[in-house]
Amino acid sequence: MGFVFAATFAFLLWGTPAFAGSAPDSDSSGIVTVALSDTQIVNQYGCSGCHKIGGKGGTTAPDLQGIFERRDEAWIRIQIQHPRQHNPQTLMPDFGLTDEQVVAIVEALRAVDTPKRSNNGRD
């Protein structure tokens, strides 16, 4: 129960993007839109509160470096949107994300992902 609270708190804490130094745009309907970088999207949803991404972040959940080498995109989308579908015992909460939010997270993870490499003794 404590983990779920901590994960939810992390999501709420990091769930709002910071607009420091930039004014939001608005479309023709007057709806305010904000262009976020891939890193900001990953941070917005608090992924690094539990997952390590690019060598930084939490250690309670799997490291996401090289995730696209280990899993296909369909699996990743389901895991983000409905984590208990893969593992009913997972500690990852269902945040109630929309399809659009999941697409944004997947694309952001792909952009910041650095594949794990085997250097076979070379660097």
PDB file of N, CA and C in Angstrom:
ATOM      1  N   MET A   1       0.829  -1.189   0.000  1.00  0.00           N
ATOM      2  CA  MET A   1       0.000   0.000   0.000  1.00  0.00           C
ATOM      3  C   MET A   1       0.873   1.251   0.000  1.00  0.00           C
ATOM      4  N   GLY A   2       1.978   1.218   0.746  1.00  0.00           N
ATOM      5  CA  GLY A   2       2.869   2.369   0.811  1.00  0.00           C
ATOM      6  C   GLY A   2       3.463   2.708  -0.545  1.00  0.00           C
ATOM      7  N   PHE A   3       3.786   1.667  -1.345  1.00  0.00           N
ATOM      8  CA  PHE A   3       4.364   1.908  -2.658  1.00  0.00           C
ATOM      9  C   PHE A   3       3.358   2.598  -3.575  1.00  0.00           C
ATOM     10  N   VAL A   4       2.108   2.122  -3.540  1.00  0.00           N
ATOM     11  CA  VAL A   4       1.082   2.710  -4.398  1.00  0.00           C
ATOM     12  C   VAL A   4       0.904   4.181  -4.040  1.00  0.00           C
ATOM     13  N   PHE A   5       0.896   4.483  -2.746  1.00  0.00           N
ATOM     14  CA  PHE A   5       0.794   5.880  -2.321  1.00  0.00           C
ATOM     15  C   PHE A   5       1.977   6.678  -2.846  1.00  0.00           C
ATOM     16  N   ALA A   6       3.188   6.121  -2.689  1.00  0.00           N
ATOM     17  CA  ALA A   6       4.392   6.828  -3.134  1.00  0.00           C
ATOM     18  C   ALA A   6       4.370   7.036  -4.647  1.00  0.00           C
ATOM     19  N   ALA A   7       3.957   6.020  -5.402  1.00  0.00           N
ATOM     20  CA  ALA A   7       3.904   6.142  -6.860  1.00  0.00           C
ATOM     21  C   ALA A   7       2.852   7.160  -7.272  1.00  0.00           C
ATOM     22  N   THR A   8       1.702   7.133  -6.609  1.00  0.00           N
ATOM     23  CA  THR A   8       0.653   8.097  -6.923  1.00  0.00           C
ATOM     24  C   THR A   8       1.105   9.497  -6.563  1.00  0.00           C
ATOM     25  N   PHE A   9       1.768   9.640  -5.421  1.00  0.00           N
ATOM     26  CA  PHE A   9       2.276  10.938  -5.004  1.00  0.00           C
ATOM     27  C   PHE A   9       3.306  11.446  -6.014  1.00  0.00           C
ATOM     28  N   ALA A  10       4.190  10.553  -6.473  1.00  0.00           N
ATOM     29  CA  ALA A  10       5.199  10.943  -7.461  1.00  0.00           C
ATOM     30  C   ALA A  10       4.524  11.398  -8.747  1.00  0.00           C
ATOM     31  N   PHE A  11       3.486  10.685  -9.168  1.00  0.00           N
ATOM     32  CA  PHE A  11       2.767  11.062 -10.379  1.00  0.00           C
ATOM     33  C   PHE A  11       2.126  12.435 -10.216  1.00  0.00           C
ATOM     34  N   LEU A  12       1.481  12.657  -9.071  1.00  0.00           N
ATOM     35  CA  LEU A  12       0.841  13.948  -8.840  1.00  0.00           C
ATOM     36  C   LEU A  12       1.872  15.061  -8.705  1.00  0.00           C
ATOM     37  N   LEU A  13       2.971  14.770  -8.033  1.00  0.00           N
ATOM     38  CA  LEU A  13       4.005  15.771  -7.832  1.00  0.00           C
ATOM     39  C   LEU A  13       4.639  16.182  -9.154  1.00  0.00           C
ATOM     40  N   TRP A  14       4.971  15.207  -9.979  1.00  0.00           N
ATOM     41  CA  TRP A  14       5.641  15.493 -11.238  1.00  0.00           C
ATOM     42  C   TRP A  14       4.658  15.532 -12.405  1.00  0.00           C
ATOM     43  N   GLY A  15       3.385  15.378 -12.119  1.00  0.00           N
ATOM     44  CA  GLY A  15       2.374  15.282 -13.162  1.00  0.00           C
ATOM     45  C   GLY A  15       1.995  16.588 -13.808  1.00  0.00           C
ATOM     46  N   THR A  16       2.523  17.696 -13.337  1.00  0.00           N
ATOM     47  CA  THR A  16       2.202  18.969 -13.974  1.00  0.00           C
ATOM     48  C   THR A  16       3.472  19.545 -14.581  1.00  0.00           C
ATOM     49  N   PRO A  17       3.427  19.861 -15.855  1.00  0.00           N
ATOM     50  CA  PRO A  17       4.627  20.375 -16.502  1.00  0.00           C
ATOM     51  C   PRO A  17       4.972  21.777 -16.005  1.00  0.00           C
ATOM     52  N   ALA A  18       6.230  22.060 -15.980  1.00  0.00           N
ATOM     53  CA  ALA A  18       6.688  23.398 -15.598  1.00  0.00           C
ATOM     54  C   ALA A  18       6.758  24.252 -16.848  1.00  0.00           C
ATOM     55  N   PHE A  19       6.224  25.455 -16.771  1.00  0.00           N
ATOM     56  CA  PHE A  19       6.199  26.336 -17.917  1.00  0.00           C
ATOM     57  C   PHE A  19       7.193  27.476 -17.770  1.00  0.00           C
ATOM     58  N   ALA A  20       8.154  27.314 -16.896  1.00  0.00           N
ATOM     59  CA  ALA A  20       9.094  28.400 -16.626  1.00  0.00           C
ATOM     60  C   ALA A  20       9.788  28.836 -17.898  1.00  0.00           C
ATOM     61  N   GLY A  21       9.750  30.128 -18.140  1.00  0.00           N
ATOM     62  CA  GLY A  21      10.489  30.696 -19.254  1.00  0.00           C
ATOM     63  C   GLY A  21       9.822  30.595 -20.604  1.00  0.00           C
ATOM     64  N   SER A  22       8.628  29.996 -20.682  1.00  0.00           N
ATOM     65  CA  SER A  22       7.971  29.928 -21.978  1.00  0.00           C
ATOM     66  C   SER A  22       6.477  30.113 -21.800  1.00  0.00           C
ATOM     67  N   ALA A  23       5.887  30.818 -22.715  1.00  0.00           N
ATOM     68  CA  ALA A  23       4.441  31.021 -22.676  1.00  0.00           C
ATOM     69  C   ALA A  23       3.778  29.914 -23.474  1.00  0.00           C
ATOM     70  N   PRO A  24       2.662  29.390 -22.977  1.00  0.00           N
ATOM     71  CA  PRO A  24       1.970  28.344 -23.729  1.00  0.00           C
ATOM     72  C   PRO A  24       1.367  28.903 -25.008  1.00  0.00           C
ATOM     73  N   ASP A  25       1.243  28.051 -26.023  1.00  0.00           N
ATOM     74  CA  ASP A  25       0.608  28.425 -27.282  1.00  0.00           C
ATOM     75  C   ASP A  25      -0.885  28.147 -27.160  1.00  0.00           C
ATOM     76  N   SER A  26      -1.671  28.707 -28.057  1.00  0.00           N
ATOM     77  CA  SER A  26      -3.082  28.337 -28.102  1.00  0.00           C
ATOM     78  C   SER A  26      -3.455  28.104 -29.554  1.00  0.00           C
ATOM     79  N   ASP A  27      -4.372  27.134 -29.756  1.00  0.00           N
ATOM     80  CA  ASP A  27      -4.796  26.859 -31.122  1.00  0.00           C
ATOM     81  C   ASP A  27      -5.973  27.767 -31.476  1.00  0.00           C
ATOM     82  N   SER A  28      -6.577  27.580 -32.656  1.00  0.00           N
ATOM     83  CA  SER A  28      -7.638  28.465 -33.117  1.00  0.00           C
ATOM     84  C   SER A  28      -8.874  28.437 -32.227  1.00  0.00           C
ATOM     85  N   SER A  29      -9.050  27.373 -31.448  1.00  0.00           N
ATOM     86  CA  SER A  29     -10.201  27.295 -30.549  1.00  0.00           C
ATOM     87  C   SER A  29      -9.930  28.001 -29.232  1.00  0.00           C
ATOM     88  N   GLY A  30      -8.693  28.470 -29.050  1.00  0.00           N
ATOM     89  CA  GLY A  30      -8.344  29.140 -27.806  1.00  0.00           C
ATOM     90  C   GLY A  30      -7.854  28.192 -26.739  1.00  0.00           C
ATOM     91  N   ILE A  31      -7.791  26.895 -27.047  1.00  0.00           N
ATOM     92  CA  ILE A  31      -7.301  25.916 -26.081  1.00  0.00           C
ATOM     93  C   ILE A  31      -5.791  26.064 -25.972  1.00  0.00           C
ATOM     94  N   VAL A  32      -5.315  26.157 -24.759  1.00  0.00           N
ATOM     95  CA  VAL A  32      -3.883  26.330 -24.535  1.00  0.00           C
ATOM     96  C   VAL A  32      -3.180  25.000 -24.770  1.00  0.00           C
ATOM     97  N   THR A  33      -2.114  25.050 -25.549  1.00  0.00           N
ATOM     98  CA  THR A  33      -1.304  23.869 -25.803  1.00  0.00           C
ATOM     99  C   THR A  33       0.133  24.180 -25.434  1.00  0.00           C
ATOM    100  N   VAL A  34       0.861  23.167 -25.050  1.00  0.00           N
ATOM    101  CA  VAL A  34       2.247  23.342 -24.660  1.00  0.00           C
ATOM    102  C   VAL A  34       3.078  22.278 -25.362  1.00  0.00           C
ATOM    103  N   ALA A  35       4.129  22.698 -26.024  1.00  0.00           N
ATOM    104  CA  ALA A  35       5.036  21.747 -26.660  1.00  0.00           C
ATOM    105  C   ALA A  35       6.077  21.340 -25.629  1.00  0.00           C
ATOM    106  N   LEU A  36       6.068  20.073 -25.278  1.00  0.00           N
ATOM    107  CA  LEU A  36       7.005  19.564 -24.283  1.00  0.00           C
ATOM    108  C   LEU A  36       8.075  18.737 -24.968  1.00  0.00           C
ATOM    109  N   SER A  37       9.263  18.795 -24.433  1.00  0.00           N
ATOM    110  CA  SER A  37      10.324  17.935 -24.951  1.00  0.00           C
ATOM    111  C   SER A  37      10.053  16.510 -24.482  1.00  0.00           C
ATOM    112  N   ASP A  38      10.733  15.549 -25.108  1.00  0.00           N
ATOM    113  CA  ASP A  38      10.564  14.145 -24.730  1.00  0.00           C
ATOM    114  C   ASP A  38      10.912  13.933 -23.264  1.00  0.00           C
ATOM    115  N   THR A  39      11.976  14.566 -22.807  1.00  0.00           N
ATOM    116  CA  THR A  39      12.380  14.433 -21.404  1.00  0.00           C
ATOM    117  C   THR A  39      11.302  15.007 -20.494  1.00  0.00           C
ATOM    118  N   GLN A  40      10.709  16.135 -20.875  1.00  0.00           N
ATOM    119  CA  GLN A  40       9.658  16.734 -20.066  1.00  0.00           C
ATOM    120  C   GLN A  40       8.428  15.835 -19.993  1.00  0.00           C
ATOM    121  N   ILE A  41       8.103  15.163 -21.085  1.00  0.00           N
ATOM    122  CA  ILE A  41       6.955  14.255 -21.086  1.00  0.00           C
ATOM    123  C   ILE A  41       7.214  13.103 -20.127  1.00  0.00           C
ATOM    124  N   VAL A  42       8.383  12.500 -20.207  1.00  0.00           N
ATOM    125  CA  VAL A  42       8.720  11.401 -19.298  1.00  0.00           C
ATOM    126  C   VAL A  42       8.681  11.895 -17.854  1.00  0.00           C
ATOM    127  N   ASN A  43       9.209  13.082 -17.608  1.00  0.00           N
ATOM    128  CA  ASN A  43       9.186  13.648 -16.260  1.00  0.00           C
ATOM    129  C   ASN A  43       7.772  14.013 -15.827  1.00  0.00           C
ATOM    130  N   GLN A  44       6.967  14.515 -16.747  1.00  0.00           N
ATOM    131  CA  GLN A  44       5.602  14.923 -16.433  1.00  0.00           C
ATOM    132  C   GLN A  44       4.812  13.778 -15.824  1.00  0.00           C
ATOM    133  N   TYR A  45       4.994  12.586 -16.338  1.00  0.00           N
ATOM    134  CA  TYR A  45       4.241  11.438 -15.849  1.00  0.00           C
ATOM    135  C   TYR A  45       4.937  10.710 -14.710  1.00  0.00           C
ATOM    136  N   GLY A  46       6.079  11.201 -14.286  1.00  0.00           N
ATOM    137  CA  GLY A  46       6.740  10.650 -13.108  1.00  0.00           C
ATOM    138  C   GLY A  46       7.365   9.282 -13.311  1.00  0.00           C
ATOM    139  N   CYS A  47       7.646   8.912 -14.546  1.00  0.00           N
ATOM    140  CA  CYS A  47       8.213   7.584 -14.832  1.00  0.00           C
ATOM    141  C   CYS A  47       9.490   7.326 -14.037  1.00  0.00           C
ATOM    142  N   SER A  48      10.333   8.354 -13.941  1.00  0.00           N
ATOM    143  CA  SER A  48      11.623   8.170 -13.277  1.00  0.00           C
ATOM    144  C   SER A  48      11.502   8.136 -11.756  1.00  0.00           C
ATOM    145  N   GLY A  49      10.295   8.288 -11.231  1.00  0.00           N
ATOM    146  CA  GLY A  49      10.100   8.102  -9.795  1.00  0.00           C
ATOM    147  C   GLY A  49      10.331   6.656  -9.395  1.00  0.00           C
ATOM    148  N   CYS A  50      10.068   5.745 -10.320  1.00  0.00           N
ATOM    149  CA  CYS A  50      10.237   4.314 -10.057  1.00  0.00           C
ATOM    150  C   CYS A  50      11.236   3.654 -11.009  1.00  0.00           C
ATOM    151  N   HIS A  51      11.272   4.134 -12.262  1.00  0.00           N
ATOM    152  CA  HIS A  51      12.131   3.546 -13.286  1.00  0.00           C
ATOM    153  C   HIS A  51      13.397   4.365 -13.474  1.00  0.00           C
ATOM    154  N   LYS A  52      14.475   3.681 -13.772  1.00  0.00           N
ATOM    155  CA  LYS A  52      15.698   4.355 -14.185  1.00  0.00           C
ATOM    156  C   LYS A  52      15.598   4.570 -15.688  1.00  0.00           C
ATOM    157  N   ILE A  53      15.861   5.811 -16.113  1.00  0.00           N
ATOM    158  CA  ILE A  53      15.805   6.170 -17.529  1.00  0.00           C
ATOM    159  C   ILE A  53      17.069   6.956 -17.841  1.00  0.00           C
ATOM    160  N   GLY A  54      17.854   6.453 -18.766  1.00  0.00           N
ATOM    161  CA  GLY A  54      19.097   7.136 -19.109  1.00  0.00           C
ATOM    162  C   GLY A  54      20.064   7.221 -17.942  1.00  0.00           C
ATOM    163  N   GLY A  55      20.053   6.202 -17.085  1.00  0.00           N
ATOM    164  CA  GLY A  55      20.988   6.160 -15.967  1.00  0.00           C
ATOM    165  C   GLY A  55      20.541   6.931 -14.744  1.00  0.00           C
ATOM    166  N   LYS A  56      19.366   7.569 -14.792  1.00  0.00           N
ATOM    167  CA  LYS A  56      18.877   8.347 -13.654  1.00  0.00           C
ATOM    168  C   LYS A  56      17.471   7.910 -13.303  1.00  0.00           C
ATOM    169  N   GLY A  57      17.147   7.988 -12.021  1.00  0.00           N
ATOM    170  CA  GLY A  57      15.786   7.700 -11.600  1.00  0.00           C
ATOM    171  C   GLY A  57      15.716   6.628 -10.542  1.00  0.00           C
ATOM    172  N   GLY A  58      14.514   6.125 -10.356  1.00  0.00           N
ATOM    173  CA  GLY A  58      14.241   5.152  -9.303  1.00  0.00           C
ATOM    174  C   GLY A  58      14.758   3.761  -9.610  1.00  0.00           C
ATOM    175  N   THR A  59      14.686   2.936  -8.595  1.00  0.00           N
ATOM    176  CA  THR A  59      15.175   1.566  -8.738  1.00  0.00           C
ATOM    177  C   THR A  59      14.128   0.536  -8.319  1.00  0.00           C
ATOM    178  N   THR A  60      12.899   0.987  -8.036  1.00  0.00           N
ATOM    179  CA  THR A  60      11.848   0.050  -7.619  1.00  0.00           C
ATOM    180  C   THR A  60      11.281  -0.727  -8.787  1.00  0.00           C
ATOM    181  N   ALA A  61      11.379  -0.158  -9.981  1.00  0.00           N
ATOM    182  CA  ALA A  61      10.809  -0.775 -11.183  1.00  0.00           C
ATOM    183  C   ALA A  61      11.933  -1.012 -12.192  1.00  0.00           C
ATOM    184  N   PRO A  62      11.661  -1.790 -13.232  1.00  0.00           N
ATOM    185  CA  PRO A  62      12.714  -2.098 -14.207  1.00  0.00           C
ATOM    186  C   PRO A  62      13.336  -0.860 -14.859  1.00  0.00           C
ATOM    187  N   ASP A  63      14.613  -0.981 -15.157  1.00  0.00           N
ATOM    188  CA  ASP A  63      15.352   0.039 -15.899  1.00  0.00           C
ATOM    189  C   ASP A  63      14.769   0.084 -17.312  1.00  0.00           C
ATOM    190  N   LEU A  64      14.466   1.273 -17.802  1.00  0.00           N
ATOM    191  CA  LEU A  64      13.855   1.395 -19.117  1.00  0.00           C
ATOM    192  C   LEU A  64      14.873   1.583 -20.245  1.00  0.00           C
ATOM    193  N   GLN A  65      16.148   1.611 -19.903  1.00  0.00           N
ATOM    194  CA  GLN A  65      17.168   1.688 -20.950  1.00  0.00           C
ATOM    195  C   GLN A  65      17.077   0.444 -21.817  1.00  0.00           C
ATOM    196  N   GLY A  66      16.965   0.632 -23.114  1.00  0.00           N
ATOM    197  CA  GLY A  66      16.903  -0.497 -24.041  1.00  0.00           C
ATOM    198  C   GLY A  66      15.563  -1.211 -24.062  1.00  0.00           C
ATOM    199  N   ILE A  67      14.498  -0.589 -23.532  1.00  0.00           N
ATOM    200  CA  ILE A  67      13.197  -1.258 -23.454  1.00  0.00           C
ATOM    201  C   ILE A  67      12.690  -1.676 -24.828  1.00  0.00           C
ATOM    202  N   PHE A  68      12.992  -0.897 -25.865  1.00  0.00           N
ATOM    203  CA  PHE A  68      12.501  -1.238 -27.202  1.00  0.00           C
ATOM    204  C   PHE A  68      13.275  -2.392 -27.824  1.00  0.00           C
ATOM    205  N   GLU A  69      14.384  -2.776 -27.215  1.00  0.00           N
ATOM    206  CA  GLU A  69      15.098  -3.984 -27.645  1.00  0.00           C
ATOM    207  C   GLU A  69      14.494  -5.218 -26.983  1.00  0.00           C
ATOM    208  N   ARG A  70      13.904  -5.025 -25.806  1.00  0.00           N
ATOM    209  CA  ARG A  70      13.383  -6.155 -25.030  1.00  0.00           C
ATOM    210  C   ARG A  70      11.900  -6.415 -25.282  1.00  0.00           C
ATOM    211  N   ARG A  71      11.148  -5.375 -25.620  1.00  0.00           N
ATOM    212  CA  ARG A  71       9.696  -5.512 -25.783  1.00  0.00           C
ATOM    213  C   ARG A  71       9.246  -4.790 -27.044  1.00  0.00           C
ATOM    214  N   ASP A  72       8.126  -5.262 -27.626  1.00  0.00           N
ATOM    215  CA  ASP A  72       7.600  -4.536 -28.785  1.00  0.00           C
ATOM    216  C   ASP A  72       6.693  -3.396 -28.307  1.00  0.00           C
ATOM    217  N   GLU A  73       6.380  -2.504 -29.236  1.00  0.00           N
ATOM    218  CA  GLU A  73       5.626  -1.310 -28.875  1.00  0.00           C
ATOM    219  C   GLU A  73       4.241  -1.631 -28.319  1.00  0.00           C
ATOM    220  N   ALA A  74       3.577  -2.634 -28.863  1.00  0.00           N
ATOM    221  CA  ALA A  74       2.241  -2.998 -28.364  1.00  0.00           C
ATOM    222  C   ALA A  74       2.316  -3.403 -26.893  1.00  0.00           C
ATOM    223  N   TRP A  75       3.322  -4.196 -26.535  1.00  0.00           N
ATOM    224  CA  TRP A  75       3.494  -4.623 -25.143  1.00  0.00           C
ATOM    225  C   TRP A  75       3.738  -3.407 -24.251  1.00  0.00           C
ATOM    226  N   ILE A  76       4.582  -2.495 -24.706  1.00  0.00           N
ATOM    227  CA  ILE A  76       4.914  -1.305 -23.915  1.00  0.00           C
ATOM    228  C   ILE A  76       3.663  -0.455 -23.695  1.00  0.00           C
ATOM    229  N   ARG A  77       2.863  -0.272 -24.734  1.00  0.00           N
ATOM    230  CA  ARG A  77       1.635   0.524 -24.600  1.00  0.00           C
ATOM    231  C   ARG A  77       0.684  -0.092 -23.568  1.00  0.00           C
ATOM    232  N   ILE A  78       0.487  -1.395 -23.658  1.00  0.00           N
ATOM    233  CA  ILE A  78      -0.390  -2.069 -22.685  1.00  0.00           C
ATOM    234  C   ILE A  78       0.173  -1.926 -21.279  1.00  0.00           C
ATOM    235  N   GLN A  79       1.466  -2.096 -21.132  1.00  0.00           N
ATOM    236  CA  GLN A  79       2.090  -2.001 -19.816  1.00  0.00           C
ATOM    237  C   GLN A  79       1.896  -0.613 -19.204  1.00  0.00           C
ATOM    238  N   ILE A  80       1.979   0.411 -20.026  1.00  0.00           N
ATOM    239  CA  ILE A  80       1.805   1.776 -19.527  1.00  0.00           C
ATOM    240  C   ILE A  80       0.345   2.037 -19.169  1.00  0.00           C
ATOM    241  N   GLN A  81      -0.572   1.604 -20.032  1.00  0.00           N
ATOM    242  CA  GLN A  81      -1.979   1.949 -19.836  1.00  0.00           C
ATOM    243  C   GLN A  81      -2.721   0.990 -18.903  1.00  0.00           C
ATOM    244  N   HIS A  82      -2.391  -0.280 -18.963  1.00  0.00           N
ATOM    245  CA  HIS A  82      -3.075  -1.294 -18.146  1.00  0.00           C
ATOM    246  C   HIS A  82      -2.054  -2.285 -17.597  1.00  0.00           C
ATOM    247  N   PRO A  83      -1.201  -1.868 -16.670  1.00  0.00           N
ATOM    248  CA  PRO A  83      -0.084  -2.708 -16.231  1.00  0.00           C
ATOM    249  C   PRO A  83      -0.490  -4.069 -15.660  1.00  0.00           C
ATOM    250  N   ARG A  84      -1.659  -4.166 -15.064  1.00  0.00           N
ATOM    251  CA  ARG A  84      -2.073  -5.443 -14.473  1.00  0.00           C
ATOM    252  C   ARG A  84      -2.484  -6.474 -15.522  1.00  0.00           C
ATOM    253  N   GLN A  85      -2.620  -6.057 -16.764  1.00  0.00           N
ATOM    254  CA  GLN A  85      -2.954  -6.994 -17.833  1.00  0.00           C
ATOM    255  C   GLN A  85      -1.803  -7.980 -18.050  1.00  0.00           C
ATOM    256  N   HIS A  86      -0.575  -7.509 -17.881  1.00  0.00           N
ATOM    257  CA  HIS A  86       0.582  -8.388 -18.023  1.00  0.00           C
ATOM    258  C   HIS A  86       0.897  -9.122 -16.731  1.00  0.00           C
ATOM    259  N   ASN A  87       0.723  -8.447 -15.626  1.00  0.00           N
ATOM    260  CA  ASN A  87       1.072  -9.023 -14.323  1.00  0.00           C
ATOM    261  C   ASN A  87       0.102  -8.498 -13.273  1.00  0.00           C
ATOM    262  N   PRO A  88      -0.863  -9.314 -12.863  1.00  0.00           N
ATOM    263  CA  PRO A  88      -1.846  -8.856 -11.881  1.00  0.00           C
ATOM    264  C   PRO A  88      -1.228  -8.427 -10.549  1.00  0.00           C
ATOM    265  N   GLN A  89      -0.010  -8.849 -10.273  1.00  0.00           N
ATOM    266  CA  GLN A  89       0.646  -8.518  -9.009  1.00  0.00           C
ATOM    267  C   GLN A  89       1.588  -7.316  -9.112  1.00  0.00           C
ATOM    268  N   THR A  90       1.630  -6.673 -10.267  1.00  0.00           N
ATOM    269  CA  THR A  90       2.566  -5.564 -10.442  1.00  0.00           C
ATOM    270  C   THR A  90       2.312  -4.444  -9.438  1.00  0.00           C
ATOM    271  N   LEU A  91       3.359  -3.752  -9.082  1.00  0.00           N
ATOM    272  CA  LEU A  91       3.238  -2.596  -8.197  1.00  0.00           C
ATOM    273  C   LEU A  91       2.909  -1.323  -8.971  1.00  0.00           C
ATOM    274  N   MET A  92       3.030  -1.387 -10.306  1.00  0.00           N
ATOM    275  CA  MET A  92       2.754  -0.200 -11.112  1.00  0.00           C
ATOM    276  C   MET A  92       1.260   0.082 -11.111  1.00  0.00           C
ATOM    277  N   PRO A  93       0.882   1.272 -10.657  1.00  0.00           N
ATOM    278  CA  PRO A  93      -0.551   1.593 -10.645  1.00  0.00           C
ATOM    279  C   PRO A  93      -1.081   1.919 -12.035  1.00  0.00           C
ATOM    280  N   ASP A  94      -2.376   1.739 -12.200  1.00  0.00           N
ATOM    281  CA  ASP A  94      -3.057   2.155 -13.423  1.00  0.00           C
ATOM    282  C   ASP A  94      -3.416   3.613 -13.224  1.00  0.00           C
ATOM    283  N   PHE A  95      -2.786   4.501 -13.992  1.00  0.00           N
ATOM    284  CA  PHE A  95      -2.986   5.939 -13.832  1.00  0.00           C
ATOM    285  C   PHE A  95      -4.199   6.452 -14.598  1.00  0.00           C
ATOM    286  N   GLY A  96      -4.910   5.570 -15.307  1.00  0.00           N
ATOM    287  CA  GLY A  96      -6.070   6.007 -16.061  1.00  0.00           C
ATOM    288  C   GLY A  96      -5.711   6.899 -17.242  1.00  0.00           C
ATOM    289  N   LEU A  97      -4.614   6.582 -17.896  1.00  0.00           N
ATOM    290  CA  LEU A  97      -4.123   7.396 -19.010  1.00  0.00           C
ATOM    291  C   LEU A  97      -4.970   7.190 -20.261  1.00  0.00           C
ATOM    292  N   THR A  98      -5.125   8.250 -21.021  1.00  0.00           N
ATOM    293  CA  THR A  98      -5.828   8.160 -22.308  1.00  0.00           C
ATOM    294  C   THR A  98      -4.884   7.553 -23.345  1.00  0.00           C
ATOM    295  N   ASP A  99      -5.463   7.144 -24.479  1.00  0.00           N
ATOM    296  CA  ASP A  99      -4.646   6.614 -25.579  1.00  0.00           C
ATOM    297  C   ASP A  99      -3.622   7.648 -26.034  1.00  0.00           C
ATOM    298  N   GLU A 100      -4.038   8.910 -26.095  1.00  0.00           N
ATOM    299  CA  GLU A 100      -3.137   9.982 -26.536  1.00  0.00           C
ATOM    300  C   GLU A 100      -1.976  10.160 -25.560  1.00  0.00           C
ATOM    301  N   GLN A 101      -2.247  10.068 -24.277  1.00  0.00           N
ATOM    302  CA  GLN A 101      -1.187  10.190 -23.281  1.00  0.00           C
ATOM    303  C   GLN A 101      -0.209   9.022 -23.398  1.00  0.00           C
ATOM    304  N   VAL A 102      -0.723   7.829 -23.640  1.00  0.00           N
ATOM    305  CA  VAL A 102       0.140   6.648 -23.786  1.00  0.00           C
ATOM    306  C   VAL A 102       1.025   6.795 -25.018  1.00  0.00           C
ATOM    307  N   VAL A 103       0.455   7.261 -26.130  1.00  0.00           N
ATOM    308  CA  VAL A 103       1.249   7.482 -27.352  1.00  0.00           C
ATOM    309  C   VAL A 103       2.365   8.479 -27.069  1.00  0.00           C
ATOM    310  N   ALA A 104       2.050   9.568 -26.374  1.00  0.00           N
ATOM    311  CA  ALA A 104       3.069  10.577 -26.057  1.00  0.00           C
ATOM    312  C   ALA A 104       4.174   9.990 -25.195  1.00  0.00           C
ATOM    313  N   ILE A 105       3.818   9.178 -24.225  1.00  0.00           N
ATOM    314  CA  ILE A 105       4.821   8.568 -23.350  1.00  0.00           C
ATOM    315  C   ILE A 105       5.686   7.590 -24.133  1.00  0.00           C
ATOM    316  N   VAL A 106       5.064   6.747 -24.959  1.00  0.00           N
ATOM    317  CA  VAL A 106       5.829   5.770 -25.753  1.00  0.00           C
ATOM    318  C   VAL A 106       6.808   6.486 -26.679  1.00  0.00           C
ATOM    319  N   GLU A 107       6.346   7.511 -27.354  1.00  0.00           N
ATOM    320  CA  GLU A 107       7.225   8.249 -28.265  1.00  0.00           C
ATOM    321  C   GLU A 107       8.343   8.958 -27.505  1.00  0.00           C
ATOM    322  N   ALA A 108       8.021   9.481 -26.336  1.00  0.00           N
ATOM    323  CA  ALA A 108       9.049  10.137 -25.522  1.00  0.00           C
ATOM    324  C   ALA A 108      10.066   9.121 -25.027  1.00  0.00           C
ATOM    325  N   LEU A 109       9.596   7.961 -24.586  1.00  0.00           N
ATOM    326  CA  LEU A 109      10.530   6.914 -24.141  1.00  0.00           C
ATOM    327  C   LEU A 109      11.430   6.473 -25.286  1.00  0.00           C
ATOM    328  N   ARG A 110      10.848   6.350 -26.479  1.00  0.00           N
ATOM    329  CA  ARG A 110      11.653   5.950 -27.644  1.00  0.00           C
ATOM    330  C   ARG A 110      12.738   6.998 -27.922  1.00  0.00           C
ATOM    331  N   ALA A 111      12.387   8.266 -27.800  1.00  0.00           N
ATOM    332  CA  ALA A 111      13.326   9.351 -28.096  1.00  0.00           C
ATOM    333  C   ALA A 111      14.459   9.436 -27.078  1.00  0.00           C
ATOM    334  N   VAL A 112      14.170   9.134 -25.822  1.00  0.00           N
ATOM    335  CA  VAL A 112      15.217   9.234 -24.803  1.00  0.00           C
ATOM    336  C   VAL A 112      15.904   7.897 -24.547  1.00  0.00           C
ATOM    337  N   ASP A 113      15.412   6.852 -25.203  1.00  0.00           N
ATOM    338  CA  ASP A 113      15.973   5.515 -25.004  1.00  0.00           C
ATOM    339  C   ASP A 113      17.360   5.406 -25.626  1.00  0.00           C
ATOM    340  N   THR A 114      18.256   4.843 -24.872  1.00  0.00           N
ATOM    341  CA  THR A 114      19.582   4.533 -25.394  1.00  0.00           C
ATOM    342  C   THR A 114      19.739   3.024 -25.292  1.00  0.00           C
ATOM    343  N   PRO A 115      19.854   2.358 -26.421  1.00  0.00           N
ATOM    344  CA  PRO A 115      19.936   0.897 -26.392  1.00  0.00           C
ATOM    345  C   PRO A 115      21.097   0.401 -25.543  1.00  0.00           C
ATOM    346  N   LYS A 116      20.852  -0.701 -24.855  1.00  0.00           N
ATOM    347  CA  LYS A 116      21.945  -1.343 -24.135  1.00  0.00           C
ATOM    348  C   LYS A 116      22.848  -1.953 -25.182  1.00  0.00           C
ATOM    349  N   ARG A 117      24.155  -1.759 -25.016  1.00  0.00           N
ATOM    350  CA  ARG A 117      25.066  -2.296 -26.022  1.00  0.00           C
ATOM    351  C   ARG A 117      26.041  -3.254 -25.374  1.00  0.00           C
ATOM    352  N   SER A 118      26.399  -4.194 -26.139  1.00  0.00           N
ATOM    353  CA  SER A 118      27.495  -5.066 -25.745  1.00  0.00           C
ATOM    354  C   SER A 118      28.712  -4.598 -26.518  1.00  0.00           C
ATOM    355  N   ASN A 119      29.737  -4.256 -25.789  1.00  0.00           N
ATOM    356  CA  ASN A 119      30.920  -3.748 -26.508  1.00  0.00           C
ATOM    357  C   ASN A 119      31.889  -4.861 -26.858  1.00  0.00           C
ATOM    358  N   ASN A 120      31.581  -6.092 -26.498  1.00  0.00           N
ATOM    359  CA  ASN A 120      32.427  -7.245 -26.830  1.00  0.00           C
ATOM    360  C   ASN A 120      33.901  -6.958 -26.574  1.00  0.00           C
ATOM    361  N   GLY A 121      34.145  -6.324 -25.426  1.00  0.00           N
ATOM    362  CA  GLY A 121      35.521  -6.054 -25.070  1.00  0.00           C
ATOM    363  C   GLY A 121      36.071  -4.771 -25.640  1.00  0.00           C
ATOM    364  N   ARG A 122      35.273  -4.072 -26.462  1.00  0.00           N
ATOM    365  CA  ARG A 122      35.709  -2.801 -27.038  1.00  0.00           C
ATOM    366  C   ARG A 122      34.880  -1.691 -26.436  1.00  0.00           C
ATOM    367  N   ASP A 123      35.355  -0.510 -26.572  1.00  0.00           N
ATOM    368  CA  ASP A 123      34.598   0.653 -26.125  1.00  0.00           C
ATOM    369  C   ASP A 123      34.334   1.617 -27.204  1.00  0.00           C
TER     370      ASP A 123
END
